PDB file of N, CA and C in Angstrom:
ATOM      1  N   TRP A   1      21.830  77.532 -31.821  1.00  0.00           N
ATOM      2  CA  TRP A   1      21.880  78.870 -31.803  1.00  0.00           C
ATOM      3  C   TRP A   1      22.028  79.270 -30.292  1.00  0.00           C
ATOM      4  N   GLU A   2      21.436  78.547 -29.339  1.00  0.00           N
ATOM      5  CA  GLU A   2      21.488  78.824 -27.966  1.00  0.00           C
ATOM      6  C   GLU A   2      22.846  78.883 -27.433  1.00  0.00           C
ATOM      7  N   GLU A   3      23.731  77.842 -27.822  1.00  0.00           N
ATOM      8  CA  GLU A   3      25.085  77.784 -27.369  1.00  0.00           C
ATOM      9  C   GLU A   3      25.878  78.906 -28.001  1.00  0.00           C
ATOM     10  N   PHE A   4      25.692  79.247 -29.182  1.00  0.00           N
ATOM     11  CA  PHE A   4      26.397  80.434 -29.889  1.00  0.00           C
ATOM     12  C   PHE A   4      26.039  81.647 -29.099  1.00  0.00           C
ATOM     13  N   GLU A   5      24.843  81.768 -28.653  1.00  0.00           N
ATOM     14  CA  GLU A   5      24.285  83.016 -28.014  1.00  0.00           C
ATOM     15  C   GLU A   5      24.936  83.201 -26.655  1.00  0.00           C
ATOM     16  N   VAL A   6      25.061  82.032 -25.975  1.00  0.00           N
ATOM     17  CA  VAL A   6      25.650  82.068 -24.616  1.00  0.00           C
ATOM     18  C   VAL A   6      27.133  82.523 -24.810  1.00  0.00           C
ATOM     19  N   HIS A   7      27.975  82.019 -25.713  1.00  0.00           N
ATOM     20  CA  HIS A   7      29.308  82.496 -25.943  1.00  0.00           C
ATOM     21  C   HIS A   7      29.403  83.884 -26.450  1.00  0.00           C
ATOM     22  N   PHE A   8      28.526  84.271 -27.265  1.00  0.00           N
ATOM     23  CA  PHE A   8      28.469  85.659 -27.810  1.00  0.00           C
ATOM     24  C   PHE A   8      28.322  86.647 -26.623  1.00  0.00           C
ATOM     25  N   LYS A   9      27.326  86.368 -25.754  1.00  0.00           N
ATOM     26  CA  LYS A   9      26.986  87.233 -24.659  1.00  0.00           C
ATOM     27  C   LYS A   9      28.204  87.317 -23.701  1.00  0.00           C
ATOM     28  N   GLU A  10      28.974  86.288 -23.552  1.00  0.00           N
ATOM     29  CA  GLU A  10      30.119  86.372 -22.655  1.00  0.00           C
ATOM     30  C   GLU A  10      31.181  87.298 -23.198  1.00  0.00           C
ATOM     31  N   VAL A  11      31.320  87.263 -24.497  1.00  0.00           N
ATOM     32  CA  VAL A  11      32.354  88.154 -25.176  1.00  0.00           C
ATOM     33  C   VAL A  11      31.889  89.568 -25.310  1.00  0.00           C
ATOM     34  N   HIS A  12      30.584  89.727 -25.819  1.00  0.00           N
ATOM     35  CA  HIS A  12      30.021  90.981 -26.151  1.00  0.00           C
ATOM     36  C   HIS A  12      28.734  91.217 -25.302  1.00  0.00           C
ATOM     37  N   PHE A  13      29.063  91.364 -23.949  1.00  0.00           N
ATOM     38  CA  PHE A  13      28.005  91.252 -22.887  1.00  0.00           C
ATOM     39  C   PHE A  13      27.088  92.375 -23.024  1.00  0.00           C
ATOM     40  N   ALA A  14      27.378  93.610 -23.445  1.00  0.00           N
ATOM     41  CA  ALA A  14      26.434  94.694 -23.358  1.00  0.00           C
ATOM     42  C   ALA A  14      25.851  94.934 -24.761  1.00  0.00           C
ATOM     43  N   PHE A  15      26.196  94.153 -25.823  1.00  0.00           N
ATOM     44  CA  PHE A  15      25.769  94.365 -27.194  1.00  0.00           C
ATOM     45  C   PHE A  15      24.191  94.426 -27.258  1.00  0.00           C
ATOM     46  N   TYR A  16      23.590  93.226 -26.900  1.00  0.00           N
ATOM     47  CA  TYR A  16      22.146  93.086 -26.995  1.00  0.00           C
ATOM     48  C   TYR A  16      21.355  94.258 -26.201  1.00  0.00           C
ATOM     49  N   GLU A  17      21.908  94.627 -25.021  1.00  0.00           N
ATOM     50  CA  GLU A  17      21.296  95.727 -24.265  1.00  0.00           C
ATOM     51  C   GLU A  17      21.258  97.070 -25.056  1.00  0.00           C
ATOM     52  N   ILE A  18      22.454  97.335 -25.617  1.00  0.00           N
ATOM     53  CA  ILE A  18      22.734  98.563 -26.379  1.00  0.00           C
ATOM     54  C   ILE A  18      21.819  98.528 -27.606  1.00  0.00           C
ATOM     55  N   LEU A  19      21.840  97.410 -28.223  1.00  0.00           N
ATOM     56  CA  LEU A  19      21.020  97.260 -29.499  1.00  0.00           C
ATOM     57  C   LEU A  19      19.413  97.378 -29.213  1.00  0.00           C
ATOM     58  N   GLN A  20      18.978  96.814 -28.040  1.00  0.00           N
ATOM     59  CA  GLN A  20      17.667  96.935 -27.774  1.00  0.00           C
ATOM     60  C   GLN A  20      17.218  98.275 -27.363  1.00  0.00           C
ATOM     61  N   LYS A  21      18.111  99.053 -26.734  1.00  0.00           N
ATOM     62  CA  LYS A  21      17.832 100.418 -26.264  1.00  0.00           C
ATOM     63  C   LYS A  21      17.843 101.457 -27.476  1.00  0.00           C
ATOM     64  N   THR A  22      18.735 101.120 -28.396  1.00  0.00           N
ATOM     65  CA  THR A  22      18.894 102.079 -29.593  1.00  0.00           C
ATOM     66  C   THR A  22      17.815 101.630 -30.642  1.00  0.00           C
ATOM     67  N   PHE A  23      17.514 100.375 -30.878  1.00  0.00           N
ATOM     68  CA  PHE A  23      16.582  99.905 -31.852  1.00  0.00           C
ATOM     69  C   PHE A  23      15.726  99.003 -31.236  1.00  0.00           C
ATOM     70  N   PRO A  24      14.659  99.409 -30.584  1.00  0.00           N
ATOM     71  CA  PRO A  24      13.723  98.493 -29.817  1.00  0.00           C
ATOM     72  C   PRO A  24      12.780  97.702 -30.718  1.00  0.00           C
ATOM     73  N   ASP A  25      12.618  98.191 -31.978  1.00  0.00           N
ATOM     74  CA  ASP A  25      11.644  97.382 -32.843  1.00  0.00           C
ATOM     75  C   ASP A  25      12.250  96.346 -33.628  1.00  0.00           C
ATOM     76  N   LEU A  26      13.553  95.972 -33.487  1.00  0.00           N
ATOM     77  CA  LEU A  26      14.184  94.899 -34.259  1.00  0.00           C
ATOM     78  C   LEU A  26      13.620  93.541 -33.759  1.00  0.00           C
ATOM     79  N   THR A  27      13.381  92.637 -34.735  1.00  0.00           N
ATOM     80  CA  THR A  27      13.000  91.287 -34.469  1.00  0.00           C
ATOM     81  C   THR A  27      14.051  90.411 -33.946  1.00  0.00           C
ATOM     82  N   VAL A  28      13.760  89.281 -33.509  1.00  0.00           N
ATOM     83  CA  VAL A  28      14.723  88.315 -33.020  1.00  0.00           C
ATOM     84  C   VAL A  28      15.622  87.966 -34.048  1.00  0.00           C
ATOM     85  N   ASN A  29      15.171  87.700 -35.280  1.00  0.00           N
ATOM     86  CA  ASN A  29      16.042  87.359 -36.351  1.00  0.00           C
ATOM     87  C   ASN A  29      17.062  88.436 -36.788  1.00  0.00           C
ATOM     88  N   GLU A  30      16.414  89.668 -36.706  1.00  0.00           N
ATOM     89  CA  GLU A  30      17.310  90.860 -36.988  1.00  0.00           C
ATOM     90  C   GLU A  30      18.464  91.001 -35.898  1.00  0.00           C
ATOM     91  N   LYS A  31      18.032  90.728 -34.671  1.00  0.00           N
ATOM     92  CA  LYS A  31      19.166  90.779 -33.636  1.00  0.00           C
ATOM     93  C   LYS A  31      20.256  89.651 -33.947  1.00  0.00           C
ATOM     94  N   ARG A  32      19.681  88.637 -34.293  1.00  0.00           N
ATOM     95  CA  ARG A  32      20.709  87.526 -34.682  1.00  0.00           C
ATOM     96  C   ARG A  32      21.492  87.954 -35.735  1.00  0.00           C
ATOM     97  N   LEU A  33      20.902  88.500 -36.835  1.00  0.00           N
ATOM     98  CA  LEU A  33      21.741  88.892 -37.945  1.00  0.00           C
ATOM     99  C   LEU A  33      22.894  89.990 -37.398  1.00  0.00           C
ATOM    100  N   CYS A  34      22.377  90.919 -36.558  1.00  0.00           N
ATOM    101  CA  CYS A  34      23.304  92.010 -36.105  1.00  0.00           C
ATOM    102  C   CYS A  34      24.508  91.252 -35.282  1.00  0.00           C
ATOM    103  N   ALA A  35      24.163  90.132 -34.643  1.00  0.00           N
ATOM    104  CA  ALA A  35      25.283  89.434 -33.843  1.00  0.00           C
ATOM    105  C   ALA A  35      26.254  88.858 -34.890  1.00  0.00           C
ATOM    106  N   PHE A  36      25.756  88.250 -35.936  1.00  0.00           N
ATOM    107  CA  PHE A  36      26.626  87.643 -36.820  1.00  0.00           C
ATOM    108  C   PHE A  36      27.475  88.811 -37.700  1.00  0.00           C
ATOM    109  N   LEU A  37      26.884  89.890 -37.912  1.00  0.00           N
ATOM    110  CA  LEU A  37      27.563  90.987 -38.494  1.00  0.00           C
ATOM    111  C   LEU A  37      28.624  91.581 -37.594  1.00  0.00           C
ATOM    112  N   ARG A  38      28.273  91.664 -36.318  1.00  0.00           N
ATOM    113  CA  ARG A  38      29.286  92.144 -35.254  1.00  0.00           C
ATOM    114  C   ARG A  38      30.410  91.333 -35.294  1.00  0.00           C
ATOM    115  N   LEU A  39      30.237  89.933 -35.549  1.00  0.00           N
ATOM    116  CA  LEU A  39      31.467  88.971 -35.620  1.00  0.00           C
ATOM    117  C   LEU A  39      32.176  89.082 -36.974  1.00  0.00           C
ATOM    118  N   ASN A  40      31.726  89.976 -37.836  1.00  0.00           N
ATOM    119  CA  ASN A  40      32.348  90.343 -39.217  1.00  0.00           C
ATOM    120  C   ASN A  40      32.218  89.194 -40.079  1.00  0.00           C
ATOM    121  N   LEU A  41      31.064  88.423 -39.986  1.00  0.00           N
ATOM    122  CA  LEU A  41      30.864  87.341 -41.045  1.00  0.00           C
ATOM    123  C   LEU A  41      30.429  87.869 -42.220  1.00  0.00           C
ATOM    124  N   THR A  42      30.690  87.276 -43.337  1.00  0.00           N
ATOM    125  CA  THR A  42      30.203  87.657 -44.777  1.00  0.00           C
ATOM    126  C   THR A  42      28.841  87.167 -44.855  1.00  0.00           C
ATOM    127  N   THR A  43      28.071  87.718 -45.877  1.00  0.00           N
ATOM    128  CA  THR A  43      26.818  87.306 -46.183  1.00  0.00           C
ATOM    129  C   THR A  43      26.692  85.817 -46.540  1.00  0.00           C
ATOM    130  N   LYS A  44      27.754  85.340 -47.238  1.00  0.00           N
ATOM    131  CA  LYS A  44      27.700  83.940 -47.575  1.00  0.00           C
ATOM    132  C   LYS A  44      27.844  83.068 -46.311  1.00  0.00           C
ATOM    133  N   GLU A  45      28.680  83.434 -45.424  1.00  0.00           N
ATOM    134  CA  GLU A  45      28.831  82.682 -44.188  1.00  0.00           C
ATOM    135  C   GLU A  45      27.678  82.644 -43.298  1.00  0.00           C
ATOM    136  N   ILE A  46      26.947  83.834 -43.226  1.00  0.00           N
ATOM    137  CA  ILE A  46      25.729  83.896 -42.493  1.00  0.00           C
ATOM    138  C   ILE A  46      24.628  83.086 -43.183  1.00  0.00           C
ATOM    139  N   ALA A  47      24.541  83.139 -44.408  1.00  0.00           N
ATOM    140  CA  ALA A  47      23.585  82.212 -45.191  1.00  0.00           C
ATOM    141  C   ALA A  47      23.850  80.776 -44.948  1.00  0.00           C
ATOM    142  N   ALA A  48      25.067  80.422 -44.819  1.00  0.00           N
ATOM    143  CA  ALA A  48      25.373  78.947 -44.634  1.00  0.00           C
ATOM    144  C   ALA A  48      24.992  78.494 -43.237  1.00  0.00           C
ATOM    145  N   ILE A  49      25.282  79.344 -42.258  1.00  0.00           N
ATOM    146  CA  ILE A  49      25.004  79.133 -40.928  1.00  0.00           C
ATOM    147  C   ILE A  49      23.428  79.046 -40.624  1.00  0.00           C
ATOM    148  N   THR A  50      22.685  79.959 -41.235  1.00  0.00           N
ATOM    149  CA  THR A  50      21.312  80.018 -40.983  1.00  0.00           C
ATOM    150  C   THR A  50      20.386  79.267 -41.878  1.00  0.00           C
ATOM    151  N   HIS A  51      21.174  78.593 -42.965  1.00  0.00           N
ATOM    152  CA  HIS A  51      20.361  77.843 -43.908  1.00  0.00           C
ATOM    153  C   HIS A  51      19.421  78.612 -44.700  1.00  0.00           C
ATOM    154  N   GLN A  52      19.787  79.838 -45.094  1.00  0.00           N
ATOM    155  CA  GLN A  52      18.988  80.706 -45.926  1.00  0.00           C
ATOM    156  C   GLN A  52      19.806  81.004 -47.057  1.00  0.00           C
ATOM    157  N   SER A  53      19.134  81.598 -48.142  1.00  0.00           N
ATOM    158  CA  SER A  53      19.900  81.967 -49.333  1.00  0.00           C
ATOM    159  C   SER A  53      20.641  83.303 -49.149  1.00  0.00           C
ATOM    160  N   VAL A  54      21.592  83.494 -49.968  1.00  0.00           N
ATOM    161  CA  VAL A  54      22.273  84.989 -49.932  1.00  0.00           C
ATOM    162  C   VAL A  54      21.354  85.991 -50.184  1.00  0.00           C
ATOM    163  N   LYS A  55      20.446  85.820 -51.231  1.00  0.00           N
ATOM    164  CA  LYS A  55      19.407  86.719 -51.431  1.00  0.00           C
ATOM    165  C   LYS A  55      18.624  87.077 -50.166  1.00  0.00           C
ATOM    166  N   SER A  56      18.196  86.114 -49.385  1.00  0.00           N
ATOM    167  CA  SER A  56      17.421  86.346 -48.158  1.00  0.00           C
ATOM    168  C   SER A  56      18.191  87.280 -47.266  1.00  0.00           C
ATOM    169  N   ILE A  57      19.482  86.899 -47.049  1.00  0.00           N
ATOM    170  CA  ILE A  57      20.292  87.668 -46.104  1.00  0.00           C
ATOM    171  C   ILE A  57      20.415  89.030 -46.659  1.00  0.00           C
ATOM    172  N   ASN A  58      20.763  89.256 -47.826  1.00  0.00           N
ATOM    173  CA  ASN A  58      20.812  90.658 -48.374  1.00  0.00           C
ATOM    174  C   ASN A  58      19.525  91.489 -48.154  1.00  0.00           C
ATOM    175  N   MET A  59      18.310  90.834 -48.335  1.00  0.00           N
ATOM    176  CA  MET A  59      17.007  91.508 -48.136  1.00  0.00           C
ATOM    177  C   MET A  59      16.914  91.788 -46.614  1.00  0.00           C
ATOM    178  N   ALA A  60      17.361  90.901 -45.880  1.00  0.00           N
ATOM    179  CA  ALA A  60      17.208  91.134 -44.388  1.00  0.00           C
ATOM    180  C   ALA A  60      18.056  92.383 -43.885  1.00  0.00           C
ATOM    181  N   ARG A  61      19.163  92.415 -44.553  1.00  0.00           N
ATOM    182  CA  ARG A  61      20.248  93.619 -44.312  1.00  0.00           C
ATOM    183  C   ARG A  61      19.618  94.862 -44.755  1.00  0.00           C
ATOM    184  N   PHE A  62      18.996  94.765 -45.919  1.00  0.00           N
ATOM    185  CA  PHE A  62      18.315  95.995 -46.437  1.00  0.00           C
ATOM    186  C   PHE A  62      17.196  96.483 -45.570  1.00  0.00           C
ATOM    187  N   ARG A  63      16.316  95.560 -45.088  1.00  0.00           N
ATOM    188  CA  ARG A  63      15.251  95.984 -44.233  1.00  0.00           C
ATOM    189  C   ARG A  63      15.731  96.594 -42.824  1.00  0.00           C
ATOM    190  N   MET A  64      16.876  95.952 -42.470  1.00  0.00           N
ATOM    191  CA  MET A  64      17.438  96.308 -41.151  1.00  0.00           C
ATOM    192  C   MET A  64      17.899  97.657 -41.283  1.00  0.00           C
ATOM    193  N   ARG A  65      18.608  97.944 -42.374  1.00  0.00           N
ATOM    194  CA  ARG A  65      19.124  99.415 -42.506  1.00  0.00           C
ATOM    195  C   ARG A  65      18.018 100.418 -42.473  1.00  0.00           C
ATOM    196  N   LYS A  66      16.908 100.008 -43.213  1.00  0.00           N
ATOM    197  CA  LYS A  66      15.818 100.916 -43.207  1.00  0.00           C
ATOM    198  C   LYS A  66      15.240 101.077 -41.825  1.00  0.00           C
ATOM    199  N   LYS A  67      15.046 100.099 -41.008  1.00  0.00           N
ATOM    200  CA  LYS A  67      14.657 100.293 -39.595  1.00  0.00           C
ATOM    201  C   LYS A  67      15.642 101.199 -38.938  1.00  0.00           C
ATOM    202  N   MET A  68      16.926 100.999 -39.112  1.00  0.00           N
ATOM    203  CA  MET A  68      17.873 101.728 -38.409  1.00  0.00           C
ATOM    204  C   MET A  68      18.121 103.198 -38.829  1.00  0.00           C
ATOM    205  N   ASN A  69      17.528 103.509 -40.075  1.00  0.00           N
ATOM    206  CA  ASN A  69      17.682 104.756 -40.703  1.00  0.00           C
ATOM    207  C   ASN A  69      19.103 105.060 -41.033  1.00  0.00           C
ATOM    208  N   LEU A  70      19.812 103.941 -41.524  1.00  0.00           N
ATOM    209  CA  LEU A  70      21.251 104.097 -42.025  1.00  0.00           C
ATOM    210  C   LEU A  70      21.227 104.345 -43.527  1.00  0.00           C
ATOM    211  N   GLU A  71      22.067 105.321 -43.985  1.00  0.00           N
ATOM    212  CA  GLU A  71      22.172 105.440 -45.400  1.00  0.00           C
ATOM    213  C   GLU A  71      23.033 104.307 -45.997  1.00  0.00           C
ATOM    214  N   SER A  72      22.830 104.144 -47.362  1.00  0.00           N
ATOM    215  CA  SER A  72      23.429 103.003 -47.967  1.00  0.00           C
ATOM    216  C   SER A  72      24.946 102.977 -47.999  1.00  0.00           C
ATOM    217  N   ASP A  73      25.632 104.238 -47.775  1.00  0.00           N
ATOM    218  CA  ASP A  73      27.089 104.310 -47.790  1.00  0.00           C
ATOM    219  C   ASP A  73      27.658 104.054 -46.451  1.00  0.00           C
ATOM    220  N   VAL A  74      26.854 103.793 -45.378  1.00  0.00           N
ATOM    221  CA  VAL A  74      27.302 103.349 -44.068  1.00  0.00           C
ATOM    222  C   VAL A  74      27.632 101.927 -43.952  1.00  0.00           C
ATOM    223  N   ASP A  75      28.799 101.514 -43.555  1.00  0.00           N
ATOM    224  CA  ASP A  75      29.065 100.085 -43.390  1.00  0.00           C
ATOM    225  C   ASP A  75      28.404  99.555 -42.167  1.00  0.00           C
ATOM    226  N   LEU A  76      27.428  98.568 -42.484  1.00  0.00           N
ATOM    227  CA  LEU A  76      26.554  98.020 -41.458  1.00  0.00           C
ATOM    228  C   LEU A  76      27.313  97.332 -40.425  1.00  0.00           C
ATOM    229  N   ALA A  77      28.309  96.502 -40.826  1.00  0.00           N
ATOM    230  CA  ALA A  77      29.055  95.717 -39.788  1.00  0.00           C
ATOM    231  C   ALA A  77      29.920  96.551 -39.009  1.00  0.00           C
ATOM    232  N   GLY A  78      30.469  97.678 -39.719  1.00  0.00           N
ATOM    233  CA  GLY A  78      31.337  98.581 -39.051  1.00  0.00           C
ATOM    234  C   GLY A  78      30.572  99.343 -37.889  1.00  0.00           C
ATOM    235  N   TYR A  79      29.270  99.694 -38.278  1.00  0.00           N
ATOM    236  CA  TYR A  79      28.357 100.534 -37.462  1.00  0.00           C
ATOM    237  C   TYR A  79      28.020  99.588 -36.230  1.00  0.00           C
ATOM    238  N   LEU A  80      27.788  98.354 -36.399  1.00  0.00           N
ATOM    239  CA  LEU A  80      27.435  97.434 -35.330  1.00  0.00           C
ATOM    240  C   LEU A  80      28.627  97.142 -34.413  1.00  0.00           C
ATOM    241  N   ALA A  81      29.812  97.131 -35.043  1.00  0.00           N
ATOM    242  CA  ALA A  81      31.011  96.803 -34.258  1.00  0.00           C
ATOM    243  C   ALA A  81      31.168  98.013 -33.286  1.00  0.00           C
ATOM    244  N   ALA A  82      30.837  99.177 -33.745  1.00  0.00           N
ATOM    245  CA  ALA A  82      31.094 100.426 -32.886  1.00  0.00           C
ATOM    246  C   ALA A  82      30.076 100.564 -31.762  1.00  0.00           C
ATOM    247  N   LEU A  83      29.001  99.786 -31.803  1.00  0.00           N
ATOM    248  CA  LEU A  83      27.989  99.998 -30.719  1.00  0.00           C
ATOM    249  C   LEU A  83      28.588  99.507 -29.372  1.00  0.00           C
TER     250      LEU A  83
END
């Protein structure tokens, strides 16, 4: 994960700062999920990378939407890509 994060920060250098300012109550795992979604990875791909079930990833996405106050019709990956 550390190696991925270093490369991610090189390409998307301000993403974590903007995410922290906009949503300061996100956990480390939620920020990690945001990074994967920013890269436009599918739920299945994220589940494979993180060694979690697809159901767990979907639940994490649901909880994250709730924290971000996003409606269900808003594309989460698109929203994060626009940050």
